[in-house]
N, C-alpha and C. Protein backbone atom coordinates (compact mmCIF):
# COMPACT_ATOMS: atom_id res chain seq x y z
N GLN A 1 22.96 27.37 55.26
CA GLN A 1 23.26 28.73 55.19
C GLN A 1 24.14 29.18 54.15
N VAL A 2 23.89 30.09 53.29
CA VAL A 2 24.72 30.62 52.29
C VAL A 2 25.78 31.73 52.79
N GLU A 3 27.00 31.45 52.68
CA GLU A 3 27.94 32.47 53.11
C GLU A 3 28.44 33.37 51.97
N LEU A 4 28.30 34.69 52.17
CA LEU A 4 28.80 35.64 51.20
C LEU A 4 29.86 36.40 51.82
N VAL A 5 31.04 36.43 51.20
CA VAL A 5 32.35 36.98 51.71
C VAL A 5 32.67 38.23 51.08
N GLU A 6 32.64 39.31 51.83
CA GLU A 6 32.99 40.66 51.24
C GLU A 6 34.37 41.12 51.70
N SER A 7 34.86 41.97 50.80
CA SER A 7 36.20 42.54 51.08
C SER A 7 36.32 43.90 50.36
N GLY A 8 37.24 44.67 50.80
CA GLY A 8 37.64 45.87 50.16
C GLY A 8 37.25 47.27 50.72
N GLY A 9 36.46 47.13 51.89
CA GLY A 9 36.19 48.38 52.60
C GLY A 9 37.46 49.06 53.21
N GLY A 10 37.23 50.20 53.76
CA GLY A 10 38.33 50.92 54.33
C GLY A 10 37.98 52.44 54.42
N LEU A 11 39.11 53.17 54.79
CA LEU A 11 39.00 54.68 54.74
C LEU A 11 39.60 55.25 53.68
N VAL A 12 38.87 56.26 53.08
CA VAL A 12 39.35 56.83 51.89
C VAL A 12 38.95 58.43 51.92
N GLN A 13 39.80 59.23 51.36
CA GLN A 13 39.43 60.64 51.27
C GLN A 13 38.40 60.95 50.33
N PRO A 14 37.71 62.10 50.49
CA PRO A 14 36.70 62.58 49.57
C PRO A 14 37.31 62.67 48.14
N GLY A 15 36.56 62.14 47.18
CA GLY A 15 37.06 62.15 45.74
C GLY A 15 37.79 60.91 45.33
N GLY A 16 38.16 60.08 46.41
CA GLY A 16 38.91 58.90 46.11
C GLY A 16 38.00 57.62 45.62
N SER A 17 38.75 56.43 45.61
CA SER A 17 37.96 55.31 45.12
C SER A 17 38.23 54.15 45.91
N LEU A 18 37.24 53.26 45.94
CA LEU A 18 37.43 51.88 46.60
C LEU A 18 36.72 50.85 45.69
N ARG A 19 37.21 49.74 45.82
CA ARG A 19 36.36 48.54 45.05
C ARG A 19 36.08 47.56 46.14
N LEU A 20 34.78 47.17 46.26
CA LEU A 20 34.31 46.12 47.10
C LEU A 20 34.07 45.05 46.23
N SER A 21 34.33 43.78 46.89
CA SER A 21 34.06 42.49 46.22
C SER A 21 33.33 41.47 47.03
N CYS A 22 32.61 40.66 46.49
CA CYS A 22 31.76 39.69 47.30
C CYS A 22 31.79 38.32 46.65
N ALA A 23 32.25 37.30 47.25
CA ALA A 23 32.38 36.05 46.70
C ALA A 23 31.19 35.11 47.21
N ALA A 24 30.61 34.51 46.32
CA ALA A 24 29.35 33.71 46.61
C ALA A 24 29.63 32.27 46.17
N PRO A 25 28.91 31.29 46.81
CA PRO A 25 29.04 29.93 46.30
C PRO A 25 28.56 29.65 44.99
N ARG A 26 29.26 28.87 44.19
CA ARG A 26 29.00 28.57 42.85
C ARG A 26 27.59 28.13 42.68
N SER A 27 27.14 27.46 43.64
CA SER A 27 25.74 26.81 43.47
C SER A 27 24.69 27.79 43.43
N ILE A 28 24.90 28.99 43.95
CA ILE A 28 23.89 30.06 43.89
C ILE A 28 24.13 31.23 42.81
N PHE A 29 25.47 31.37 42.54
CA PHE A 29 25.81 32.59 41.86
C PHE A 29 25.16 32.66 40.50
N SER A 30 24.93 31.48 39.89
CA SER A 30 24.48 31.59 38.41
C SER A 30 22.90 31.82 38.39
N ILE A 31 22.23 31.69 39.45
CA ILE A 31 20.77 31.77 39.43
C ILE A 31 20.28 32.99 40.33
N TYR A 32 21.04 33.56 41.10
CA TYR A 32 20.64 34.70 42.00
C TYR A 32 21.05 35.96 41.37
N ASP A 33 20.00 36.98 41.56
CA ASP A 33 20.43 38.37 41.32
C ASP A 33 21.26 38.87 42.42
N MET A 34 22.32 39.66 42.23
CA MET A 34 23.22 40.15 43.23
C MET A 34 23.12 41.72 43.44
N GLY A 35 23.46 42.15 44.61
CA GLY A 35 23.33 43.54 44.80
C GLY A 35 24.13 44.02 46.09
N TRP A 36 24.40 45.39 46.14
CA TRP A 36 24.95 45.96 47.26
C TRP A 36 24.04 46.92 47.85
N TYR A 37 23.95 46.87 49.13
CA TYR A 37 23.18 47.81 50.00
C TYR A 37 24.12 48.38 51.05
N ARG A 38 23.62 49.43 51.64
CA ARG A 38 24.43 50.17 52.55
C ARG A 38 23.56 50.71 53.77
N GLN A 39 24.06 50.82 54.85
CA GLN A 39 23.35 51.32 55.93
C GLN A 39 24.21 52.34 56.82
N ALA A 40 23.83 53.51 56.86
CA ALA A 40 24.69 54.46 57.65
C ALA A 40 24.01 54.64 58.99
N PRO A 41 24.65 55.16 60.01
CA PRO A 41 24.13 55.14 61.34
C PRO A 41 22.95 55.97 61.46
N GLY A 42 21.99 55.40 61.99
CA GLY A 42 20.62 56.11 62.20
C GLY A 42 19.84 56.00 60.96
N LYS A 43 20.13 55.37 59.87
CA LYS A 43 19.37 55.38 58.67
C LYS A 43 19.01 53.92 58.34
N GLN A 44 17.99 53.71 57.52
CA GLN A 44 17.60 52.49 56.99
C GLN A 44 18.60 51.92 56.01
N ARG A 45 18.66 50.67 55.78
CA ARG A 45 19.47 50.07 54.81
C ARG A 45 18.82 50.34 53.46
N GLU A 46 19.73 50.69 52.48
CA GLU A 46 19.15 51.11 51.19
C GLU A 46 20.05 50.38 50.06
N LEU A 47 19.36 50.15 49.00
CA LEU A 47 19.94 49.61 47.81
C LEU A 47 20.81 50.52 47.13
N VAL A 48 22.13 50.18 46.88
CA VAL A 48 23.00 50.96 46.19
C VAL A 48 23.06 50.69 44.76
N ALA A 49 23.13 49.32 44.43
CA ALA A 49 23.23 48.84 43.02
C ALA A 49 22.82 47.42 43.03
N GLY A 50 22.27 47.07 41.87
CA GLY A 50 21.89 45.63 41.75
C GLY A 50 22.31 45.12 40.38
N ILE A 51 22.53 43.92 40.23
CA ILE A 51 22.84 43.35 38.82
C ILE A 51 22.18 41.95 38.76
N THR A 52 21.28 41.70 37.60
CA THR A 52 20.63 40.52 37.43
C THR A 52 21.58 39.48 36.88
N THR A 53 21.04 38.16 36.89
CA THR A 53 21.96 37.09 36.19
C THR A 53 22.22 37.32 34.79
N GLY A 54 21.36 38.08 34.10
CA GLY A 54 21.57 38.52 32.78
C GLY A 54 22.38 39.70 32.60
N GLY A 55 22.85 40.35 33.69
CA GLY A 55 23.70 41.54 33.59
C GLY A 55 23.04 42.81 33.59
N ARG A 56 21.73 42.95 33.73
CA ARG A 56 21.06 44.18 33.73
C ARG A 56 21.30 44.85 35.16
N THR A 57 21.61 46.12 35.16
CA THR A 57 22.01 46.78 36.35
C THR A 57 21.00 47.97 36.76
N ASN A 58 20.95 48.26 38.00
CA ASN A 58 20.28 49.44 38.39
C ASN A 58 21.05 50.05 39.57
N TYR A 59 20.86 51.39 39.68
CA TYR A 59 21.56 52.12 40.73
C TYR A 59 20.60 53.10 41.43
N ALA A 60 21.11 53.40 42.72
CA ALA A 60 20.33 54.48 43.39
C ALA A 60 20.79 55.78 42.69
N ASN A 61 19.85 56.66 42.78
CA ASN A 61 20.16 58.03 42.09
C ASN A 61 21.51 58.72 42.68
N SER A 62 21.63 58.44 43.91
CA SER A 62 22.72 59.28 44.63
C SER A 62 24.07 58.66 44.22
N VAL A 63 24.16 57.50 43.61
CA VAL A 63 25.51 56.88 43.12
C VAL A 63 25.53 56.81 41.66
N LYS A 64 24.54 57.08 40.87
CA LYS A 64 24.65 56.91 39.39
C LYS A 64 25.86 57.83 38.90
N GLY A 65 26.65 57.25 38.00
CA GLY A 65 27.77 57.95 37.32
C GLY A 65 28.89 57.93 38.19
N ARG A 66 28.85 57.26 39.40
CA ARG A 66 30.07 57.25 40.29
C ARG A 66 30.37 55.90 40.66
N PHE A 67 29.34 54.99 40.74
CA PHE A 67 29.62 53.63 41.10
C PHE A 67 29.22 52.74 39.97
N THR A 68 29.90 51.64 39.92
CA THR A 68 29.58 50.57 38.96
C THR A 68 29.72 49.23 39.48
N ILE A 69 28.57 48.48 39.26
CA ILE A 69 28.54 47.11 39.63
C ILE A 69 28.73 46.21 38.52
N SER A 70 29.38 45.05 38.88
CA SER A 70 29.83 44.11 37.81
C SER A 70 29.73 42.75 38.52
N ARG A 71 29.66 41.74 37.68
CA ARG A 71 29.67 40.33 38.11
C ARG A 71 30.70 39.47 37.30
N ASP A 72 31.34 38.59 37.83
CA ASP A 72 32.24 37.73 37.20
C ASP A 72 31.74 36.31 37.40
N ASN A 73 31.01 35.78 36.38
CA ASN A 73 30.41 34.52 36.49
C ASN A 73 31.48 33.34 36.58
N ALA A 74 32.55 33.52 36.20
CA ALA A 74 33.77 32.59 36.34
C ALA A 74 34.27 32.46 37.66
N LEU A 75 34.30 33.59 38.29
CA LEU A 75 34.83 33.53 39.66
C LEU A 75 33.81 33.65 40.74
N ASN A 76 32.60 33.65 40.39
CA ASN A 76 31.43 33.83 41.35
C ASN A 76 31.57 34.95 42.25
N THR A 77 31.89 36.11 41.62
CA THR A 77 32.03 37.42 42.50
C THR A 77 31.27 38.57 41.88
N VAL A 78 30.78 39.33 42.72
CA VAL A 78 30.26 40.55 42.26
C VAL A 78 31.01 41.69 42.96
N SER A 79 31.28 42.86 42.17
CA SER A 79 32.07 43.96 42.65
C SER A 79 31.41 45.28 42.50
N LEU A 80 31.78 46.11 43.36
CA LEU A 80 31.17 47.49 43.32
C LEU A 80 32.37 48.50 43.24
N GLN A 81 32.56 48.97 41.97
CA GLN A 81 33.67 50.07 41.92
C GLN A 81 33.01 51.53 42.31
N MET A 82 33.65 52.02 43.20
CA MET A 82 33.11 53.29 43.73
C MET A 82 34.14 54.37 43.47
N ASP A 83 33.80 55.40 42.70
CA ASP A 83 34.65 56.46 42.39
C ASP A 83 34.09 57.80 42.92
N SER A 84 34.83 58.87 42.95
CA SER A 84 34.40 60.11 43.30
C SER A 84 33.54 60.00 44.72
N LEU A 85 34.27 59.46 45.58
CA LEU A 85 33.44 59.18 46.91
C LEU A 85 33.26 60.33 47.64
N LYS A 86 32.18 60.51 48.33
CA LYS A 86 31.78 61.62 49.11
C LYS A 86 31.55 61.13 50.65
N PRO A 87 31.67 62.11 51.53
CA PRO A 87 31.43 61.69 53.05
C PRO A 87 30.07 61.02 53.18
N GLU A 88 29.13 61.46 52.45
CA GLU A 88 27.76 60.86 52.59
C GLU A 88 27.66 59.46 52.16
N ASP A 89 28.68 58.93 51.49
CA ASP A 89 28.83 57.43 51.03
C ASP A 89 29.28 56.52 52.27
N THR A 90 29.68 57.18 53.41
CA THR A 90 30.07 56.47 54.53
C THR A 90 28.98 55.64 55.01
N ALA A 91 29.31 54.39 55.23
CA ALA A 91 28.25 53.36 55.64
C ALA A 91 28.88 52.03 55.85
N VAL A 92 28.00 51.11 56.29
CA VAL A 92 28.40 49.73 56.24
C VAL A 92 27.71 49.21 54.85
N TYR A 93 28.57 48.56 54.11
CA TYR A 93 28.11 48.00 52.80
C TYR A 93 27.83 46.45 52.90
N TYR A 94 26.71 46.05 52.32
CA TYR A 94 26.30 44.63 52.51
C TYR A 94 26.07 44.09 51.15
N CYS A 95 26.74 42.91 50.88
CA CYS A 95 26.44 42.12 49.64
C CYS A 95 25.15 41.27 49.80
N ASN A 96 24.36 41.26 48.81
CA ASN A 96 23.11 40.47 48.85
C ASN A 96 23.00 39.64 47.57
N ALA A 97 22.42 38.48 47.91
CA ALA A 97 22.02 37.41 46.85
C ALA A 97 20.58 37.22 46.96
N TYR A 98 19.83 37.48 45.92
CA TYR A 98 18.37 37.37 46.05
C TYR A 98 17.84 36.48 44.96
N LEU A 99 17.04 35.47 45.35
CA LEU A 99 16.20 34.79 44.35
C LEU A 99 14.66 34.92 44.57
N ASN A 100 14.23 34.90 45.94
CA ASN A 100 12.98 35.42 46.21
C ASN A 100 12.90 35.57 47.72
N ARG A 101 11.83 35.99 48.24
CA ARG A 101 11.72 36.58 49.54
C ARG A 101 12.31 35.64 50.72
N VAL A 102 12.21 34.23 50.40
CA VAL A 102 12.74 33.29 51.26
C VAL A 102 14.30 33.09 51.03
N LEU A 103 14.62 32.84 49.79
CA LEU A 103 16.03 32.62 49.42
C LEU A 103 16.68 34.03 49.04
N ASN A 104 17.20 34.66 50.14
CA ASN A 104 17.64 35.92 50.14
C ASN A 104 18.71 36.02 51.24
N TYR A 105 19.96 36.29 50.83
CA TYR A 105 21.14 36.14 51.77
C TYR A 105 21.92 37.46 51.80
N TRP A 106 22.63 37.57 52.99
CA TRP A 106 23.33 38.74 53.15
C TRP A 106 24.83 38.40 53.55
N GLY A 107 25.69 39.40 53.24
CA GLY A 107 27.06 39.35 53.75
C GLY A 107 27.06 39.88 55.05
N GLN A 108 28.37 39.81 55.69
CA GLN A 108 28.53 40.36 57.05
C GLN A 108 28.72 41.88 57.21
N GLY A 109 28.88 42.44 56.02
CA GLY A 109 29.22 43.86 55.93
C GLY A 109 30.61 44.31 55.91
N THR A 110 30.90 45.42 55.37
CA THR A 110 32.21 45.98 55.33
C THR A 110 32.04 47.43 55.36
N GLN A 111 32.85 48.05 56.23
CA GLN A 111 32.82 49.48 56.48
C GLN A 111 33.51 50.29 55.38
N VAL A 112 32.93 51.30 54.99
CA VAL A 112 33.35 52.23 54.10
C VAL A 112 33.27 53.67 54.75
N THR A 113 34.39 54.33 54.86
CA THR A 113 34.50 55.64 55.60
C THR A 113 35.12 56.55 54.66
N VAL A 114 34.44 57.67 54.36
CA VAL A 114 34.84 58.65 53.41
C VAL A 114 35.08 60.06 54.31
N SER A 115 36.44 60.26 54.49
CA SER A 115 36.73 61.48 55.52
C SER A 115 38.13 61.92 55.18
N SER A 116 38.35 63.14 55.34
CA SER A 116 39.59 63.67 55.18
C SER A 116 40.37 63.90 56.56
């Protein structure tokens, strides 16, 4: 089983910033696409941002211009910089490593709460 270790969640006021990080084993990081998903109470899990091994990125429309995904191939980490946070960004955020439908791994999740 592949372990993805997330960090960086917490409570922040609207308009604030948080940075999430996810560490992956070296053995998979260089060949897996990485992403961040989130799941709010009563809602389905949704893709927030993804980054391929080649560095190509994609974002959900709701976070474009506010969130930035990046990967550090030397440290085997993927990060999500979240700026201008809104209450509707409140969710559990999950790191994902994807190669195919079978080789697809998830972190344990980290809570992000945006509230005054």
